[in-house]
Amino acid sequence: MAGIPYQSSSFSVIEQKIMKDKEPSDSKEFVGNLKNGIWLFGLSSWVFGITDRSIASFADGYLSALDLTQIFTAATFFVAWLFLKPTSRV
């Protein structure tokens, strides 16, 4: 029995290395997809918010200073959100 090497698991060393190499890429891919999903959800939310504020502001026929401030603030946050787009690292 001294000539037979003992392995702690049923996988060979090569299979274990392949599995270790694959796991981080799967988790990185998941995190990348999650980031993109959150960014797209935020993008659609900001577009909806700006559209909602614009319709509400123009509904009564004139723009007040408060209406302009709300639209400008939402548009500023929207542009900032565009700069937060996650980069793809393939």
PDB file of N, CA and C in Angstrom:
ATOM      1  N   MET A   1       0.798  -1.204   0.000  1.00  0.00           N
ATOM      2  CA  MET A   1       0.000   0.000   0.000  1.00  0.00           C
ATOM      3  C   MET A   1       0.843   1.273   0.000  1.00  0.00           C
ATOM      4  N   ALA A   2       2.120   1.144   0.227  1.00  0.00           N
ATOM      5  CA  ALA A   2       2.980   2.321   0.280  1.00  0.00           C
ATOM      6  C   ALA A   2       3.162   2.949  -1.088  1.00  0.00           C
ATOM      7  N   GLY A   3       3.010   2.168  -2.167  1.00  0.00           N
ATOM      8  CA  GLY A   3       3.205   2.692  -3.505  1.00  0.00           C
ATOM      9  C   GLY A   3       1.987   3.396  -4.076  1.00  0.00           C
ATOM     10  N   ILE A   4       0.820   3.271  -3.460  1.00  0.00           N
ATOM     11  CA  ILE A   4      -0.409   3.882  -3.966  1.00  0.00           C
ATOM     12  C   ILE A   4      -0.598   5.236  -3.287  1.00  0.00           C
ATOM     13  N   PRO A   5      -0.610   6.300  -4.066  1.00  0.00           N
ATOM     14  CA  PRO A   5      -0.804   7.619  -3.449  1.00  0.00           C
ATOM     15  C   PRO A   5      -2.242   7.770  -2.956  1.00  0.00           C
ATOM     16  N   TYR A   6      -2.400   8.487  -1.860  1.00  0.00           N
ATOM     17  CA  TYR A   6      -3.718   8.718  -1.273  1.00  0.00           C
ATOM     18  C   TYR A   6      -4.257  10.057  -1.765  1.00  0.00           C
ATOM     19  N   GLN A   7      -5.476  10.045  -2.260  1.00  0.00           N
ATOM     20  CA  GLN A   7      -6.137  11.284  -2.669  1.00  0.00           C
ATOM     21  C   GLN A   7      -7.314  11.515  -1.740  1.00  0.00           C
ATOM     22  N   SER A   8      -7.466  12.760  -1.320  1.00  0.00           N
ATOM     23  CA  SER A   8      -8.497  13.074  -0.339  1.00  0.00           C
ATOM     24  C   SER A   8      -9.889  13.136  -0.953  1.00  0.00           C
ATOM     25  N   SER A   9      -9.992  13.264  -2.251  1.00  0.00           N
ATOM     26  CA  SER A   9     -11.316  13.333  -2.865  1.00  0.00           C
ATOM     27  C   SER A   9     -11.355  12.406  -4.073  1.00  0.00           C
ATOM     28  N   SER A  10     -12.526  12.296  -4.664  1.00  0.00           N
ATOM     29  CA  SER A  10     -12.684  11.400  -5.800  1.00  0.00           C
ATOM     30  C   SER A  10     -12.240  12.047  -7.118  1.00  0.00           C
ATOM     31  N   PHE A  11     -11.862  13.326  -7.097  1.00  0.00           N
ATOM     32  CA  PHE A  11     -11.413  14.012  -8.303  1.00  0.00           C
ATOM     33  C   PHE A  11      -9.897  13.941  -8.418  1.00  0.00           C
ATOM     34  N   SER A  12      -9.411  13.896  -9.640  1.00  0.00           N
ATOM     35  CA  SER A  12      -7.966  13.920  -9.849  1.00  0.00           C
ATOM     36  C   SER A  12      -7.454  15.343  -9.667  1.00  0.00           C
ATOM     37  N   VAL A  13      -6.160  15.489  -9.613  1.00  0.00           N
ATOM     38  CA  VAL A  13      -5.545  16.802  -9.418  1.00  0.00           C
ATOM     39  C   VAL A  13      -5.888  17.729 -10.577  1.00  0.00           C
ATOM     40  N   ILE A  14      -5.899  17.207 -11.783  1.00  0.00           N
ATOM     41  CA  ILE A  14      -6.226  18.021 -12.961  1.00  0.00           C
ATOM     42  C   ILE A  14      -7.673  18.486 -12.904  1.00  0.00           C
ATOM     43  N   GLU A  15      -8.587  17.591 -12.529  1.00  0.00           N
ATOM     44  CA  GLU A  15      -9.997  17.973 -12.436  1.00  0.00           C
ATOM     45  C   GLU A  15     -10.207  19.020 -11.355  1.00  0.00           C
ATOM     46  N   GLN A  16      -9.487  18.888 -10.222  1.00  0.00           N
ATOM     47  CA  GLN A  16      -9.605  19.885  -9.161  1.00  0.00           C
ATOM     48  C   GLN A  16      -9.106  21.243  -9.641  1.00  0.00           C
ATOM     49  N   LYS A  17      -8.009  21.260 -10.395  1.00  0.00           N
ATOM     50  CA  LYS A  17      -7.472  22.526 -10.906  1.00  0.00           C
ATOM     51  C   LYS A  17      -8.445  23.164 -11.886  1.00  0.00           C
ATOM     52  N   ILE A  18      -9.056  22.363 -12.752  1.00  0.00           N
ATOM     53  CA  ILE A  18     -10.033  22.892 -13.708  1.00  0.00           C
ATOM     54  C   ILE A  18     -11.222  23.488 -12.965  1.00  0.00           C
ATOM     55  N   MET A  19     -11.691  22.805 -11.929  1.00  0.00           N
ATOM     56  CA  MET A  19     -12.828  23.308 -11.157  1.00  0.00           C
ATOM     57  C   MET A  19     -12.469  24.600 -10.438  1.00  0.00           C
ATOM     58  N   LYS A  20     -11.244  24.677  -9.885  1.00  0.00           N
ATOM     59  CA  LYS A  20     -10.826  25.899  -9.200  1.00  0.00           C
ATOM     60  C   LYS A  20     -10.709  27.059 -10.179  1.00  0.00           C
ATOM     61  N   ASP A  21     -10.215  26.789 -11.381  1.00  0.00           N
ATOM     62  CA  ASP A  21     -10.092  27.841 -12.385  1.00  0.00           C
ATOM     63  C   ASP A  21     -11.449  28.302 -12.880  1.00  0.00           C
ATOM     64  N   LYS A  22     -12.425  27.424 -12.916  1.00  0.00           N
ATOM     65  CA  LYS A  22     -13.738  27.762 -13.450  1.00  0.00           C
ATOM     66  C   LYS A  22     -14.589  28.527 -12.443  1.00  0.00           C
ATOM     67  N   GLU A  23     -14.474  28.227 -11.171  1.00  0.00           N
ATOM     68  CA  GLU A  23     -15.322  28.851 -10.159  1.00  0.00           C
ATOM     69  C   GLU A  23     -15.192  30.371 -10.108  1.00  0.00           C
ATOM     70  N   PRO A  24     -13.983  30.934 -10.076  1.00  0.00           N
ATOM     71  CA  PRO A  24     -13.904  32.394 -10.036  1.00  0.00           C
ATOM     72  C   PRO A  24     -14.496  33.056 -11.279  1.00  0.00           C
ATOM     73  N   SER A  25     -14.340  32.442 -12.441  1.00  0.00           N
ATOM     74  CA  SER A  25     -14.900  33.061 -13.638  1.00  0.00           C
ATOM     75  C   SER A  25     -16.426  33.039 -13.598  1.00  0.00           C
ATOM     76  N   ASP A  26     -17.000  31.970 -13.042  1.00  0.00           N
ATOM     77  CA  ASP A  26     -18.455  31.923 -12.904  1.00  0.00           C
ATOM     78  C   ASP A  26     -18.942  32.994 -11.940  1.00  0.00           C
ATOM     79  N   SER A  27     -18.253  33.155 -10.816  1.00  0.00           N
ATOM     80  CA  SER A  27     -18.678  34.164  -9.854  1.00  0.00           C
ATOM     81  C   SER A  27     -18.441  35.569 -10.398  1.00  0.00           C
ATOM     82  N   LYS A  28     -17.346  35.762 -11.141  1.00  0.00           N
ATOM     83  CA  LYS A  28     -17.105  37.080 -11.737  1.00  0.00           C
ATOM     84  C   LYS A  28     -18.156  37.397 -12.790  1.00  0.00           C
ATOM     85  N   GLU A  29     -18.547  36.384 -13.543  1.00  0.00           N
ATOM     86  CA  GLU A  29     -19.589  36.589 -14.549  1.00  0.00           C
ATOM     87  C   GLU A  29     -20.913  36.929 -13.880  1.00  0.00           C
ATOM     88  N   PHE A  30     -21.226  36.257 -12.775  1.00  0.00           N
ATOM     89  CA  PHE A  30     -22.466  36.536 -12.049  1.00  0.00           C
ATOM     90  C   PHE A  30     -22.463  37.958 -11.500  1.00  0.00           C
ATOM     91  N   VAL A  31     -21.357  38.354 -10.883  1.00  0.00           N
ATOM     92  CA  VAL A  31     -21.264  39.705 -10.321  1.00  0.00           C
ATOM     93  C   VAL A  31     -21.349  40.749 -11.430  1.00  0.00           C
ATOM     94  N   GLY A  32     -20.712  40.479 -12.566  1.00  0.00           N
ATOM     95  CA  GLY A  32     -20.796  41.405 -13.697  1.00  0.00           C
ATOM     96  C   GLY A  32     -22.214  41.544 -14.218  1.00  0.00           C
ATOM     97  N   ASN A  33     -22.916  40.415 -14.328  1.00  0.00           N
ATOM     98  CA  ASN A  33     -24.313  40.466 -14.770  1.00  0.00           C
ATOM     99  C   ASN A  33     -25.185  41.183 -13.751  1.00  0.00           C
ATOM    100  N   LEU A  34     -24.906  40.980 -12.464  1.00  0.00           N
ATOM    101  CA  LEU A  34     -25.669  41.660 -11.415  1.00  0.00           C
ATOM    102  C   LEU A  34     -25.456  43.170 -11.488  1.00  0.00           C
ATOM    103  N   LYS A  35     -24.206  43.592 -11.666  1.00  0.00           N
ATOM    104  CA  LYS A  35     -23.914  45.027 -11.790  1.00  0.00           C
ATOM    105  C   LYS A  35     -24.636  45.634 -12.987  1.00  0.00           C
ATOM    106  N   ASN A  36     -24.573  44.951 -14.118  1.00  0.00           N
ATOM    107  CA  ASN A  36     -25.251  45.462 -15.314  1.00  0.00           C
ATOM    108  C   ASN A  36     -26.759  45.509 -15.118  1.00  0.00           C
ATOM    109  N   GLY A  37     -27.311  44.511 -14.448  1.00  0.00           N
ATOM    110  CA  GLY A  37     -28.748  44.499 -14.190  1.00  0.00           C
ATOM    111  C   GLY A  37     -29.181  45.643 -13.296  1.00  0.00           C
ATOM    112  N   ILE A  38     -28.403  45.892 -12.241  1.00  0.00           N
ATOM    113  CA  ILE A  38     -28.716  47.010 -11.341  1.00  0.00           C
ATOM    114  C   ILE A  38     -28.599  48.330 -12.087  1.00  0.00           C
ATOM    115  N   TRP A  39     -27.569  48.459 -12.928  1.00  0.00           N
ATOM    116  CA  TRP A  39     -27.392  49.705 -13.672  1.00  0.00           C
ATOM    117  C   TRP A  39     -28.543  49.923 -14.650  1.00  0.00           C
ATOM    118  N   LEU A  40     -28.965  48.878 -15.343  1.00  0.00           N
ATOM    119  CA  LEU A  40     -30.081  49.021 -16.288  1.00  0.00           C
ATOM    120  C   LEU A  40     -31.383  49.349 -15.571  1.00  0.00           C
ATOM    121  N   PHE A  41     -31.597  48.747 -14.398  1.00  0.00           N
ATOM    122  CA  PHE A  41     -32.792  49.070 -13.616  1.00  0.00           C
ATOM    123  C   PHE A  41     -32.762  50.536 -13.188  1.00  0.00           C
ATOM    124  N   GLY A  42     -31.605  51.001 -12.733  1.00  0.00           N
ATOM    125  CA  GLY A  42     -31.476  52.404 -12.344  1.00  0.00           C
ATOM    126  C   GLY A  42     -31.665  53.344 -13.519  1.00  0.00           C
ATOM    127  N   LEU A  43     -31.136  52.953 -14.672  1.00  0.00           N
ATOM    128  CA  LEU A  43     -31.290  53.765 -15.879  1.00  0.00           C
ATOM    129  C   LEU A  43     -32.764  53.935 -16.240  1.00  0.00           C
ATOM    130  N   SER A  44     -33.487  52.835 -16.245  1.00  0.00           N
ATOM    131  CA  SER A  44     -34.915  52.924 -16.573  1.00  0.00           C
ATOM    132  C   SER A  44     -35.680  53.700 -15.502  1.00  0.00           C
ATOM    133  N   SER A  45     -35.261  53.587 -14.254  1.00  0.00           N
ATOM    134  CA  SER A  45     -35.920  54.339 -13.181  1.00  0.00           C
ATOM    135  C   SER A  45     -35.715  55.838 -13.345  1.00  0.00           C
ATOM    136  N   TRP A  46     -34.499  56.248 -13.695  1.00  0.00           N
ATOM    137  CA  TRP A  46     -34.239  57.673 -13.891  1.00  0.00           C
ATOM    138  C   TRP A  46     -34.992  58.217 -15.101  1.00  0.00           C
ATOM    139  N   VAL A  47     -35.059  57.450 -16.175  1.00  0.00           N
ATOM    140  CA  VAL A  47     -35.819  57.890 -17.353  1.00  0.00           C
ATOM    141  C   VAL A  47     -37.290  58.042 -16.988  1.00  0.00           C
ATOM    142  N   PHE A  48     -37.824  57.076 -16.241  1.00  0.00           N
ATOM    143  CA  PHE A  48     -39.217  57.181 -15.805  1.00  0.00           C
ATOM    144  C   PHE A  48     -39.412  58.400 -14.914  1.00  0.00           C
ATOM    145  N   GLY A  49     -38.485  58.636 -13.986  1.00  0.00           N
ATOM    146  CA  GLY A  49     -38.611  59.768 -13.074  1.00  0.00           C
ATOM    147  C   GLY A  49     -38.582  61.108 -13.794  1.00  0.00           C
ATOM    148  N   ILE A  50     -37.678  61.254 -14.753  1.00  0.00           N
ATOM    149  CA  ILE A  50     -37.603  62.508 -15.514  1.00  0.00           C
ATOM    150  C   ILE A  50     -38.864  62.696 -16.349  1.00  0.00           C
ATOM    151  N   THR A  51     -39.339  61.616 -16.963  1.00  0.00           N
ATOM    152  CA  THR A  51     -40.571  61.699 -17.759  1.00  0.00           C
ATOM    153  C   THR A  51     -41.758  62.070 -16.881  1.00  0.00           C
ATOM    154  N   ASP A  52     -41.849  61.457 -15.714  1.00  0.00           N
ATOM    155  CA  ASP A  52     -42.951  61.740 -14.789  1.00  0.00           C
ATOM    156  C   ASP A  52     -42.927  63.196 -14.338  1.00  0.00           C
ATOM    157  N   ARG A  53     -41.746  63.691 -13.963  1.00  0.00           N
ATOM    158  CA  ARG A  53     -41.627  65.084 -13.526  1.00  0.00           C
ATOM    159  C   ARG A  53     -41.947  66.042 -14.664  1.00  0.00           C
ATOM    160  N   SER A  54     -41.534  65.711 -15.878  1.00  0.00           N
ATOM    161  CA  SER A  54     -41.805  66.585 -17.025  1.00  0.00           C
ATOM    162  C   SER A  54     -43.295  66.652 -17.313  1.00  0.00           C
ATOM    163  N   ILE A  55     -43.958  65.512 -17.311  1.00  0.00           N
ATOM    164  CA  ILE A  55     -45.405  65.493 -17.559  1.00  0.00           C
ATOM    165  C   ILE A  55     -46.142  66.244 -16.459  1.00  0.00           C
ATOM    166  N   ALA A  56     -45.740  66.031 -15.208  1.00  0.00           N
ATOM    167  CA  ALA A  56     -46.394  66.725 -14.096  1.00  0.00           C
ATOM    168  C   ALA A  56     -46.153  68.231 -14.163  1.00  0.00           C
ATOM    169  N   SER A  57     -44.982  68.636 -14.614  1.00  0.00           N
ATOM    170  CA  SER A  57     -44.668  70.065 -14.684  1.00  0.00           C
ATOM    171  C   SER A  57     -45.438  70.767 -15.795  1.00  0.00           C
ATOM    172  N   PHE A  58     -45.587  70.097 -16.937  1.00  0.00           N
ATOM    173  CA  PHE A  58     -46.277  70.718 -18.067  1.00  0.00           C
ATOM    174  C   PHE A  58     -47.788  70.513 -18.035  1.00  0.00           C
ATOM    175  N   ALA A  59     -48.291  69.766 -17.086  1.00  0.00           N
ATOM    176  CA  ALA A  59     -49.721  69.458 -17.046  1.00  0.00           C
ATOM    177  C   ALA A  59     -50.569  70.703 -16.780  1.00  0.00           C
ATOM    178  N   ASP A  60     -50.066  71.612 -15.958  1.00  0.00           N
ATOM    179  CA  ASP A  60     -50.867  72.793 -15.631  1.00  0.00           C
ATOM    180  C   ASP A  60     -50.615  73.962 -16.577  1.00  0.00           C
ATOM    181  N   GLY A  61     -49.716  73.824 -17.520  1.00  0.00           N
ATOM    182  CA  GLY A  61     -49.554  74.842 -18.547  1.00  0.00           C
ATOM    183  C   GLY A  61     -48.408  75.810 -18.339  1.00  0.00           C
ATOM    184  N   TYR A  62     -47.813  75.850 -17.171  1.00  0.00           N
ATOM    185  CA  TYR A  62     -46.671  76.740 -16.973  1.00  0.00           C
ATOM    186  C   TYR A  62     -45.660  76.064 -16.047  1.00  0.00           C
ATOM    187  N   LEU A  63     -44.426  76.527 -16.121  1.00  0.00           N
ATOM    188  CA  LEU A  63     -43.355  75.978 -15.294  1.00  0.00           C
ATOM    189  C   LEU A  63     -43.043  76.925 -14.145  1.00  0.00           C
ATOM    190  N   SER A  64     -43.029  76.391 -12.951  1.00  0.00           N
ATOM    191  CA  SER A  64     -42.623  77.192 -11.801  1.00  0.00           C
ATOM    192  C   SER A  64     -41.143  76.936 -11.520  1.00  0.00           C
ATOM    193  N   ALA A  65     -40.594  77.711 -10.618  1.00  0.00           N
ATOM    194  CA  ALA A  65     -39.186  77.531 -10.252  1.00  0.00           C
ATOM    195  C   ALA A  65     -38.973  76.164  -9.599  1.00  0.00           C
ATOM    196  N   LEU A  66     -39.945  75.708  -8.835  1.00  0.00           N
ATOM    197  CA  LEU A  66     -39.844  74.393  -8.197  1.00  0.00           C
ATOM    198  C   LEU A  66     -39.850  73.275  -9.235  1.00  0.00           C
ATOM    199  N   ASP A  67     -40.689  73.411 -10.257  1.00  0.00           N
ATOM    200  CA  ASP A  67     -40.725  72.407 -11.332  1.00  0.00           C
ATOM    201  C   ASP A  67     -39.382  72.330 -12.057  1.00  0.00           C
ATOM    202  N   LEU A  68     -38.830  73.486 -12.390  1.00  0.00           N
ATOM    203  CA  LEU A  68     -37.535  73.510 -13.069  1.00  0.00           C
ATOM    204  C   LEU A  68     -36.430  72.915 -12.194  1.00  0.00           C
ATOM    205  N   THR A  69     -36.475  73.209 -10.903  1.00  0.00           N
ATOM    206  CA  THR A  69     -35.478  72.661  -9.981  1.00  0.00           C
ATOM    207  C   THR A  69     -35.573  71.146  -9.914  1.00  0.00           C
ATOM    208  N   GLN A  70     -36.784  70.616  -9.843  1.00  0.00           N
ATOM    209  CA  GLN A  70     -36.963  69.163  -9.780  1.00  0.00           C
ATOM    210  C   GLN A  70     -36.481  68.481 -11.057  1.00  0.00           C
ATOM    211  N   ILE A  71     -36.808  69.046 -12.200  1.00  0.00           N
ATOM    212  CA  ILE A  71     -36.374  68.452 -13.472  1.00  0.00           C
ATOM    213  C   ILE A  71     -34.855  68.535 -13.605  1.00  0.00           C
ATOM    214  N   PHE A  72     -34.277  69.678 -13.244  1.00  0.00           N
ATOM    215  CA  PHE A  72     -32.826  69.839 -13.335  1.00  0.00           C
ATOM    216  C   PHE A  72     -32.101  68.871 -12.397  1.00  0.00           C
ATOM    217  N   THR A  73     -32.625  68.705 -11.188  1.00  0.00           N
ATOM    218  CA  THR A  73     -32.010  67.778 -10.230  1.00  0.00           C
ATOM    219  C   THR A  73     -32.080  66.344 -10.738  1.00  0.00           C
ATOM    220  N   ALA A  74     -33.234  65.939 -11.237  1.00  0.00           N
ATOM    221  CA  ALA A  74     -33.378  64.579 -11.765  1.00  0.00           C
ATOM    222  C   ALA A  74     -32.464  64.362 -12.968  1.00  0.00           C
ATOM    223  N   ALA A  75     -32.358  65.360 -13.834  1.00  0.00           N
ATOM    224  CA  ALA A  75     -31.488  65.231 -15.008  1.00  0.00           C
ATOM    225  C   ALA A  75     -30.017  65.154 -14.601  1.00  0.00           C
ATOM    226  N   THR A  76     -29.630  65.894 -13.572  1.00  0.00           N
ATOM    227  CA  THR A  76     -28.248  65.843 -13.083  1.00  0.00           C
ATOM    228  C   THR A  76     -27.917  64.462 -12.531  1.00  0.00           C
ATOM    229  N   PHE A  77     -28.821  63.902 -11.729  1.00  0.00           N
ATOM    230  CA  PHE A  77     -28.594  62.555 -11.203  1.00  0.00           C
ATOM    231  C   PHE A  77     -28.598  61.509 -12.318  1.00  0.00           C
ATOM    232  N   PHE A  78     -29.405  61.734 -13.337  1.00  0.00           N
ATOM    233  CA  PHE A  78     -29.433  60.808 -14.474  1.00  0.00           C
ATOM    234  C   PHE A  78     -28.088  60.796 -15.199  1.00  0.00           C
ATOM    235  N   VAL A  79     -27.530  61.963 -15.440  1.00  0.00           N
ATOM    236  CA  VAL A  79     -26.223  62.043 -16.109  1.00  0.00           C
ATOM    237  C   VAL A  79     -25.145  61.409 -15.230  1.00  0.00           C
ATOM    238  N   ALA A  80     -25.218  61.641 -13.924  1.00  0.00           N
ATOM    239  CA  ALA A  80     -24.258  61.007 -13.016  1.00  0.00           C
ATOM    240  C   ALA A  80     -24.395  59.490 -13.062  1.00  0.00           C
ATOM    241  N   TRP A  81     -25.614  58.993 -13.152  1.00  0.00           N
ATOM    242  CA  TRP A  81     -25.851  57.549 -13.233  1.00  0.00           C
ATOM    243  C   TRP A  81     -25.246  56.967 -14.516  1.00  0.00           C
ATOM    244  N   LEU A  82     -25.302  57.726 -15.606  1.00  0.00           N
ATOM    245  CA  LEU A  82     -24.700  57.260 -16.855  1.00  0.00           C
ATOM    246  C   LEU A  82     -23.197  57.041 -16.707  1.00  0.00           C
ATOM    247  N   PHE A  83     -22.545  57.888 -15.922  1.00  0.00           N
ATOM    248  CA  PHE A  83     -21.106  57.738 -15.710  1.00  0.00           C
ATOM    249  C   PHE A  83     -20.767  56.555 -14.803  1.00  0.00           C
ATOM    250  N   LEU A  84     -21.741  56.017 -14.103  1.00  0.00           N
ATOM    251  CA  LEU A  84     -21.512  54.880 -13.210  1.00  0.00           C
ATOM    252  C   LEU A  84     -21.677  53.535 -13.908  1.00  0.00           C
ATOM    253  N   LYS A  85     -21.784  53.544 -15.229  1.00  0.00           N
ATOM    254  CA  LYS A  85     -21.958  52.283 -15.958  1.00  0.00           C
ATOM    255  C   LYS A  85     -20.779  51.354 -15.688  1.00  0.00           C
ATOM    256  N   PRO A  86     -21.074  50.104 -15.302  1.00  0.00           N
ATOM    257  CA  PRO A  86     -19.977  49.164 -15.039  1.00  0.00           C
ATOM    258  C   PRO A  86     -19.236  48.800 -16.322  1.00  0.00           C
ATOM    259  N   THR A  87     -17.932  48.621 -16.190  1.00  0.00           N
ATOM    260  CA  THR A  87     -17.121  48.234 -17.344  1.00  0.00           C
ATOM    261  C   THR A  87     -17.133  46.725 -17.487  1.00  0.00           C
ATOM    262  N   SER A  88     -17.029  46.265 -18.709  1.00  0.00           N
ATOM    263  CA  SER A  88     -16.997  44.818 -18.944  1.00  0.00           C
ATOM    264  C   SER A  88     -15.550  44.363 -18.992  1.00  0.00           C
ATOM    265  N   ARG A  89     -15.227  43.367 -18.196  1.00  0.00           N
ATOM    266  CA  ARG A  89     -13.866  42.819 -18.146  1.00  0.00           C
ATOM    267  C   ARG A  89     -13.916  41.373 -18.581  1.00  0.00           C
ATOM    268  N   VAL A  90     -13.894  41.181 -19.876  1.00  0.00           N
ATOM    269  CA  VAL A  90     -13.999  39.825 -20.412  1.00  0.00           C
ATOM    270  C   VAL A  90     -12.659  39.180 -20.537  1.00  0.00           C
TER     271      VAL A  90
END
